[in-house]
Amino acid sequence: MTPIGILAAIAVLGVVIMVHEWGHFIVARKCNTEVQVFSFGFGPKLFSIQRGETEYRFSLIPLGGYVRMAGEIDEFAPKVAGRGFPDRPLYQRAMIVVAGPAINMVFAFLLFTVIMMTWGNQVTSDKALVGGVVADSPAQAAGLAAGDLVTAIDGQSLGNWDGLHAAVTASEGREIQLAVLSEQGEERVLTVTPESRVRRDYLGEEIGTAWVIGVHRASERQDVGPVESVVLGARYSWAWSVVILETLSRLVQGRLSVSDHAGPIGIAQEAGRRANRGMEPLLHFMALLSVNLGIIHLLPIPGLDGVHLALFSYEAVRGRPFPARARPLVEQIGLLLLLALMILVVYNYISRLVGG
């Protein structure tokens, strides 16, 4: 892992997690809850600044931070009776907990909107334009390159990408002739033989086979105005939320494997790759992580906000808090499951890395 990858991962994860904690913090303050500590980072304290009742702490490990409210832990009782987190009405406690995931979604929406306003919207091109060539593919063997425009197949004029796709599919593996125009204006005819490969959907699940030559569709930038940027920001936030929920659903159904997900090591490497490509890809990655964090935190797993919401639901239905004596057992089981999942994800990633 490169130094820029480590720095990019620290920056991306740090900002996304701090935004999450700021959501808890600001709503807790609005609900007159005593916030004792707002820590920037984890681990040993480097230094702190006291402002009113809150200690703003700067800690050694800069990967995010945390908020400690009075009464969350027995030994940290509120200085003023009745201002602890457990003392707040049920609806206020729920608001404080939901605020973290909610602000992550808002943050992602704002990032997507800024990206649209600054760099425009990236859309796939309708032209039969090669955006990239897959390694060890028929297209690479034939000499196709990124930027090539396919103008005809077997002497038949070609108007768009759908026509190219249809012609490759109809070939069923027979040799085809491609008339190609390069970026430099050079015309040439290439012979390529499509091959059958496993077809996967947008989450990587196998959905059959298809005839392919191994080229990626090109994309292009479209300038958009402020209003359309806001609409696209909302649309991208919603679309990625659906993707993450679908991923979780397929994992539960066993249709996807945790071995397909790289965990924190993969996040750091991807952050480094995005940083090397520029600010826009890095901000896009940060927005995706923010959506991810917002949704994941709603899961009823100890250490995540979802478990508090589950206990609040129990309290709302039964009219009394979840039994205190049973809570440690529930938390221990959840933490063991979470730890097992994290170990499995990291193990699978390292196994793939070592295996090449």
Protein backbone atom coordinates (compact mmCIF):
# COMPACT_ATOMS: atom_id res chain seq x y z
CA MET A 1 0.00 0.00 0.00
CA THR A 2 1.45 3.34 -1.06
CA PRO A 3 1.83 6.37 1.26
CA ILE A 4 -0.72 8.29 -0.83
CA GLY A 5 -3.13 5.39 -0.39
CA ILE A 6 -2.72 5.49 3.38
CA LEU A 7 -3.17 9.28 3.51
CA ALA A 8 -6.19 9.14 1.19
CA ALA A 9 -7.79 6.39 3.28
CA ILE A 10 -7.24 8.37 6.49
CA ALA A 11 -8.73 11.48 4.91
CA VAL A 12 -11.74 9.74 3.38
CA LEU A 13 -12.62 7.54 6.36
CA GLY A 14 -11.84 10.32 8.83
CA VAL A 15 -14.13 12.83 7.16
CA VAL A 16 -17.01 10.38 6.62
CA ILE A 17 -16.94 9.11 10.21
CA MET A 18 -16.58 12.61 11.67
CA VAL A 19 -19.61 13.76 9.68
CA HIS A 20 -21.52 10.82 11.17
CA GLU A 21 -20.53 11.72 14.72
CA TRP A 22 -21.29 15.39 14.12
CA GLY A 23 -24.86 14.37 13.30
CA HIS A 24 -25.21 12.70 16.72
CA PHE A 25 -23.55 15.67 18.39
CA ILE A 26 -25.63 18.47 16.90
CA VAL A 27 -28.99 16.75 17.51
CA ALA A 28 -27.97 15.77 21.04
CA ARG A 29 -27.24 19.42 21.76
CA LYS A 30 -30.59 20.45 20.25
CA CYS A 31 -32.31 17.93 22.55
CA ASN A 32 -30.60 19.43 25.64
CA THR A 33 -28.46 16.34 26.18
CA GLU A 34 -25.11 16.76 27.91
CA VAL A 35 -22.30 15.90 25.49
CA GLN A 36 -19.18 15.29 27.55
CA VAL A 37 -16.66 14.44 24.80
CA PHE A 38 -16.39 15.08 21.07
CA SER A 39 -13.22 13.29 20.00
CA PHE A 40 -11.43 13.87 16.71
CA GLY A 41 -9.82 10.47 16.26
CA PHE A 42 -9.52 7.40 18.47
CA GLY A 43 -7.02 6.06 20.97
CA PRO A 44 -4.80 8.00 23.40
CA LYS A 45 -5.61 11.68 23.81
CA LEU A 46 -3.03 14.08 22.40
CA PHE A 47 -4.62 17.27 23.71
CA SER A 48 -8.07 18.72 24.31
CA ILE A 49 -9.97 22.00 24.48
CA GLN A 50 -12.82 22.55 26.94
CA ARG A 51 -15.73 24.58 25.59
CA GLY A 52 -18.64 24.75 28.01
CA GLU A 53 -19.60 21.27 29.14
CA THR A 54 -17.96 19.54 26.16
CA GLU A 55 -14.33 18.45 25.90
CA TYR A 56 -13.14 18.61 22.29
CA ARG A 57 -10.49 15.93 22.25
CA PHE A 58 -7.80 15.32 19.62
CA SER A 59 -6.66 11.69 19.68
CA LEU A 60 -3.78 9.74 18.19
CA ILE A 61 -5.55 7.64 15.53
CA PRO A 62 -7.16 10.02 12.99
CA LEU A 63 -9.70 7.55 11.57
CA GLY A 64 -12.91 9.34 12.48
CA GLY A 65 -13.92 10.00 16.05
CA TYR A 66 -16.71 9.57 18.57
CA VAL A 67 -19.22 11.38 20.77
CA ARG A 68 -19.74 10.49 24.44
CA MET A 69 -23.00 11.61 25.97
CA ALA A 70 -23.67 11.69 29.70
CA GLY A 71 -25.30 8.54 31.04
CA GLU A 72 -24.34 6.29 28.13
CA ILE A 73 -21.88 4.61 30.48
CA ASP A 74 -22.64 4.32 34.19
CA GLU A 75 -19.45 6.04 35.38
CA PHE A 76 -20.12 9.12 33.25
CA ALA A 77 -23.19 10.54 34.94
CA PRO A 78 -24.53 13.95 33.87
CA LYS A 79 -23.36 17.00 35.81
CA VAL A 80 -26.96 18.22 35.86
CA ALA A 81 -29.60 15.65 36.77
CA GLY A 82 -32.00 14.82 33.95
CA ARG A 83 -29.67 15.79 31.08
CA GLY A 84 -28.21 12.37 30.42
CA PHE A 85 -28.94 10.44 27.24
CA PRO A 86 -31.08 7.80 29.03
CA ASP A 87 -33.15 10.61 30.61
CA ARG A 88 -34.36 11.96 27.26
CA PRO A 89 -37.80 10.99 25.94
CA LEU A 90 -37.85 7.98 23.66
CA TYR A 91 -38.45 10.03 20.49
CA GLN A 92 -35.47 12.31 21.28
CA ARG A 93 -33.14 9.36 21.86
CA ALA A 94 -34.26 7.92 18.53
CA MET A 95 -33.67 11.29 16.82
CA ILE A 96 -30.14 11.49 18.25
CA VAL A 97 -29.31 7.97 17.06
CA VAL A 98 -30.85 8.39 13.59
CA ALA A 99 -29.04 11.71 13.10
CA GLY A 100 -25.70 9.96 12.42
CA PRO A 101 -26.85 7.83 9.46
CA ALA A 102 -29.13 10.65 8.24
CA ILE A 103 -26.31 13.21 8.05
CA ASN A 104 -24.20 10.68 6.14
CA MET A 105 -26.92 10.51 3.50
CA VAL A 106 -27.17 14.31 3.37
CA PHE A 107 -23.37 14.58 3.09
CA ALA A 108 -23.33 12.11 0.18
CA PHE A 109 -26.08 14.09 -1.56
CA LEU A 110 -24.08 17.33 -1.14
CA LEU A 111 -20.90 15.69 -2.48
CA PHE A 112 -22.70 14.30 -5.54
CA THR A 113 -24.26 17.71 -6.15
CA VAL A 114 -20.89 19.49 -5.94
CA ILE A 115 -19.38 16.92 -8.31
CA MET A 116 -22.15 17.52 -10.84
CA MET A 117 -21.81 21.32 -10.61
CA THR A 118 -17.99 21.29 -10.80
CA TRP A 119 -17.14 18.47 -13.20
CA GLY A 120 -20.45 17.69 -14.87
CA ASN A 121 -22.29 14.41 -15.23
CA GLN A 122 -20.45 11.44 -16.70
CA VAL A 123 -22.70 9.44 -19.02
CA THR A 124 -22.10 6.54 -21.38
CA SER A 125 -21.65 7.44 -25.03
CA ASP A 126 -24.17 6.25 -27.64
CA LYS A 127 -21.38 5.96 -30.20
CA ALA A 128 -19.64 2.67 -30.90
CA LEU A 129 -16.61 4.19 -29.23
CA VAL A 130 -14.12 2.03 -27.35
CA GLY A 131 -13.53 3.38 -23.84
CA GLY A 132 -11.14 0.62 -22.80
CA VAL A 133 -9.89 -2.82 -23.81
CA VAL A 134 -9.88 -5.86 -21.51
CA ALA A 135 -6.50 -7.54 -21.07
CA ASP A 136 -6.05 -10.88 -22.86
CA SER A 137 -9.28 -10.39 -24.79
CA PRO A 138 -10.06 -10.90 -28.50
CA ALA A 139 -10.19 -7.11 -28.91
CA GLN A 140 -6.67 -6.73 -27.55
CA ALA A 141 -5.39 -9.55 -29.75
CA ALA A 142 -6.97 -7.89 -32.81
CA GLY A 143 -5.34 -4.52 -32.04
CA LEU A 144 -8.32 -2.47 -30.84
CA ALA A 145 -7.42 0.44 -28.56
CA ALA A 146 -9.19 2.98 -26.37
CA GLY A 147 -10.48 5.84 -28.51
CA ASP A 148 -11.16 3.69 -31.57
CA LEU A 149 -14.55 4.25 -33.23
CA VAL A 150 -16.11 1.17 -34.85
CA THR A 151 -17.83 2.41 -38.01
CA ALA A 152 -18.85 -0.89 -39.66
CA ILE A 153 -19.04 -4.63 -39.11
CA ASP A 154 -18.67 -7.01 -42.05
CA GLY A 155 -19.22 -4.10 -44.39
CA GLN A 156 -22.46 -2.98 -42.74
CA SER A 157 -22.45 0.59 -41.40
CA LEU A 158 -22.72 0.90 -37.65
CA GLY A 159 -24.49 3.78 -35.93
CA ASN A 160 -24.21 3.21 -32.21
CA TRP A 161 -23.03 0.98 -29.36
CA ASP A 162 -26.21 -1.09 -29.34
CA GLY A 163 -25.54 -2.03 -32.95
CA LEU A 164 -22.03 -3.20 -32.04
CA HIS A 165 -23.38 -5.25 -29.14
CA ALA A 166 -26.08 -6.83 -31.32
CA ALA A 167 -23.60 -7.73 -34.06
CA VAL A 168 -21.16 -9.37 -31.64
CA THR A 169 -24.00 -11.35 -30.04
CA ALA A 170 -25.34 -12.46 -33.42
CA SER A 171 -21.89 -13.70 -34.50
CA GLU A 172 -22.06 -16.61 -32.01
CA GLY A 173 -18.30 -16.85 -32.10
CA ARG A 174 -17.61 -16.59 -35.82
CA GLU A 175 -14.92 -14.25 -37.14
CA ILE A 176 -16.07 -10.68 -37.86
CA GLN A 177 -14.46 -7.73 -39.66
CA LEU A 178 -14.42 -4.36 -37.88
CA ALA A 179 -13.89 -1.10 -39.75
CA VAL A 180 -12.23 1.20 -37.22
CA LEU A 181 -11.38 4.91 -37.12
CA SER A 182 -8.65 5.83 -34.63
CA GLU A 183 -8.44 9.07 -32.64
CA GLN A 184 -5.75 10.23 -35.07
CA GLY A 185 -8.08 9.69 -38.05
CA GLU A 186 -6.43 6.48 -39.25
CA GLU A 187 -8.79 3.97 -40.90
CA ARG A 188 -8.13 0.26 -40.62
CA VAL A 189 -9.94 -3.08 -40.78
CA LEU A 190 -9.44 -5.59 -37.98
CA THR A 191 -10.44 -9.23 -37.68
CA VAL A 192 -11.74 -10.33 -34.30
CA THR A 193 -13.28 -13.56 -33.05
CA PRO A 194 -15.80 -13.12 -30.21
CA GLU A 195 -15.62 -15.54 -27.31
CA SER A 196 -18.17 -16.77 -24.82
CA ARG A 197 -17.69 -15.50 -21.28
CA VAL A 198 -19.66 -15.54 -18.05
CA ARG A 199 -22.07 -12.62 -17.92
CA ARG A 200 -22.46 -10.80 -14.61
CA ASP A 201 -24.84 -8.14 -13.39
CA TYR A 202 -23.82 -4.86 -11.73
CA LEU A 203 -23.14 -6.63 -8.41
CA GLY A 204 -20.98 -9.35 -9.95
CA GLU A 205 -23.53 -12.16 -9.75
CA GLU A 206 -23.49 -14.63 -12.65
CA ILE A 207 -26.54 -14.32 -14.90
CA GLY A 208 -25.53 -16.50 -17.85
CA THR A 209 -23.07 -16.29 -20.72
CA ALA A 210 -22.59 -13.87 -23.59
CA TRP A 211 -20.48 -13.44 -26.72
CA VAL A 212 -17.96 -10.64 -26.16
CA ILE A 213 -14.85 -9.16 -27.73
CA GLY A 214 -13.61 -7.45 -24.53
CA VAL A 215 -14.21 -3.72 -24.89
CA HIS A 216 -15.65 -1.17 -22.46
CA ARG A 217 -18.15 1.45 -23.48
CA ALA A 218 -16.79 5.00 -23.60
CA SER A 219 -18.23 7.76 -21.43
CA GLU A 220 -18.37 11.51 -21.78
CA ARG A 221 -18.92 14.57 -19.61
CA GLN A 222 -22.05 16.67 -19.84
CA ASP A 223 -22.22 20.12 -18.26
CA VAL A 224 -25.25 20.55 -16.00
CA GLY A 225 -26.77 23.59 -14.29
CA PRO A 226 -27.35 24.11 -10.55
CA VAL A 227 -30.93 22.79 -10.51
CA GLU A 228 -30.08 19.68 -12.52
CA SER A 229 -27.02 19.14 -10.30
CA VAL A 230 -29.28 18.99 -7.23
CA VAL A 231 -31.63 16.55 -8.98
CA LEU A 232 -28.70 14.35 -10.06
CA GLY A 233 -27.21 14.54 -6.56
CA ALA A 234 -30.46 13.14 -5.13
CA ARG A 235 -30.71 10.54 -7.91
CA TYR A 236 -27.16 9.25 -7.37
CA SER A 237 -27.67 9.09 -3.58
CA TRP A 238 -30.84 7.07 -4.04
CA ALA A 239 -29.32 4.79 -6.69
CA TRP A 240 -26.30 3.90 -4.55
CA SER A 241 -28.55 3.32 -1.53
CA VAL A 242 -30.48 0.78 -3.58
CA VAL A 243 -27.22 -0.89 -4.67
CA ILE A 244 -26.02 -1.24 -1.07
CA LEU A 245 -29.38 -2.58 0.14
CA GLU A 246 -29.44 -5.07 -2.75
CA THR A 247 -25.89 -6.15 -1.88
CA LEU A 248 -26.85 -6.76 1.76
CA SER A 249 -29.95 -8.67 0.66
CA ARG A 250 -27.95 -10.94 -1.64
CA LEU A 251 -25.34 -11.54 1.07
CA VAL A 252 -28.08 -12.67 3.46
CA GLN A 253 -29.56 -14.92 0.74
CA GLY A 254 -26.12 -16.41 0.05
CA ARG A 255 -26.17 -15.19 -3.56
CA LEU A 256 -23.03 -13.13 -2.96
CA SER A 257 -20.01 -14.09 -0.92
CA VAL A 258 -18.16 -11.95 1.61
CA SER A 259 -15.02 -13.04 -0.27
CA ASP A 260 -16.08 -10.57 -2.98
CA HIS A 261 -15.65 -7.65 -0.56
CA ALA A 262 -12.20 -6.36 0.36
CA GLY A 263 -12.87 -4.69 3.73
CA PRO A 264 -10.70 -1.93 5.21
CA ILE A 265 -7.56 -2.91 3.31
CA GLY A 266 -9.39 -2.76 0.00
CA ILE A 267 -10.95 0.58 0.97
CA ALA A 268 -7.49 2.02 1.59
CA GLN A 269 -6.20 0.75 -1.75
CA GLU A 270 -9.22 2.07 -3.64
CA ALA A 271 -8.87 5.46 -1.92
CA GLY A 272 -5.26 5.59 -3.09
CA ARG A 273 -6.23 4.73 -6.67
CA ARG A 274 -8.94 7.41 -6.66
CA ALA A 275 -6.55 10.00 -5.22
CA ASN A 276 -4.05 9.29 -8.00
CA ARG A 277 -6.77 9.95 -10.59
CA GLY A 278 -7.76 13.33 -9.15
CA MET A 279 -10.11 15.11 -6.76
CA GLU A 280 -13.36 14.20 -8.52
CA PRO A 281 -12.89 10.39 -8.29
CA LEU A 282 -11.82 10.76 -4.64
CA LEU A 283 -14.90 12.84 -3.74
CA HIS A 284 -17.09 10.35 -5.58
CA PHE A 285 -15.57 7.53 -3.51
CA MET A 286 -16.12 9.54 -0.33
CA ALA A 287 -19.80 9.98 -1.25
CA LEU A 288 -20.17 6.23 -1.82
CA LEU A 289 -18.58 5.47 1.56
CA SER A 290 -20.88 7.99 3.24
CA VAL A 291 -23.96 6.30 1.78
CA ASN A 292 -22.52 2.93 2.80
CA LEU A 293 -21.83 4.05 6.37
CA GLY A 294 -25.29 5.60 6.71
CA ILE A 295 -27.06 2.39 5.68
CA ILE A 296 -24.75 -0.06 7.46
CA HIS A 297 -25.18 1.83 10.74
CA LEU A 298 -28.91 1.12 10.64
CA LEU A 299 -28.26 -2.63 10.95
CA PRO A 300 -29.17 -4.05 14.41
CA ILE A 301 -25.59 -5.01 15.28
CA PRO A 302 -23.92 -3.92 18.56
CA GLY A 303 -21.52 -1.07 17.96
CA LEU A 304 -23.83 0.30 15.25
CA ASP A 305 -26.75 2.67 15.64
CA GLY A 306 -29.26 0.07 14.50
CA VAL A 307 -29.05 -1.89 17.75
CA HIS A 308 -30.17 1.20 19.70
CA LEU A 309 -33.10 1.65 17.33
CA ALA A 310 -34.04 -2.03 17.79
CA LEU A 311 -34.01 -1.62 21.58
CA PHE A 312 -36.03 1.60 21.28
CA SER A 313 -38.58 -0.30 19.18
CA TYR A 314 -38.85 -2.89 21.94
CA GLU A 315 -39.36 -0.09 24.46
CA ALA A 316 -42.03 1.57 22.32
CA VAL A 317 -43.99 -1.70 21.93
CA ARG A 318 -43.62 -3.03 25.49
CA GLY A 319 -43.78 0.33 27.23
CA ARG A 320 -40.60 -0.32 29.20
CA PRO A 321 -36.84 -0.44 28.42
CA PHE A 322 -35.14 -3.60 27.23
CA PRO A 323 -34.08 -5.65 30.32
CA ALA A 324 -30.68 -4.40 31.45
CA ARG A 325 -29.53 -7.89 32.47
CA ALA A 326 -30.10 -9.24 28.94
CA ARG A 327 -28.38 -6.38 27.10
CA PRO A 328 -24.74 -7.52 27.70
CA LEU A 329 -25.52 -10.96 26.23
CA VAL A 330 -27.12 -9.44 23.13
CA GLU A 331 -24.15 -7.09 22.66
CA GLN A 332 -21.60 -9.87 23.09
CA ILE A 333 -23.30 -12.11 20.52
CA GLY A 334 -23.54 -9.23 18.05
CA LEU A 335 -19.93 -8.19 18.54
CA LEU A 336 -18.74 -11.77 17.99
CA LEU A 337 -20.70 -11.96 14.74
CA LEU A 338 -19.34 -8.59 13.61
CA LEU A 339 -15.78 -9.57 14.51
CA ALA A 340 -16.13 -12.88 12.67
CA LEU A 341 -17.37 -11.08 9.55
CA MET A 342 -14.51 -8.57 9.67
CA ILE A 343 -11.90 -11.33 10.08
CA LEU A 344 -13.42 -13.29 7.19
CA VAL A 345 -13.45 -10.28 4.87
CA VAL A 346 -9.82 -9.37 5.66
CA TYR A 347 -8.72 -13.02 5.39
CA ASN A 348 -10.37 -13.42 1.99
CA TYR A 349 -8.76 -10.23 0.73
CA ILE A 350 -5.27 -11.26 1.89
CA SER A 351 -5.79 -14.74 0.38
CA ARG A 352 -6.65 -13.21 -3.01
CA LEU A 353 -3.68 -10.83 -2.74
CA VAL A 354 -1.21 -13.63 -1.92
CA GLY A 355 -2.73 -15.86 -4.59
CA GLY A 356 -2.16 -13.18 -7.22
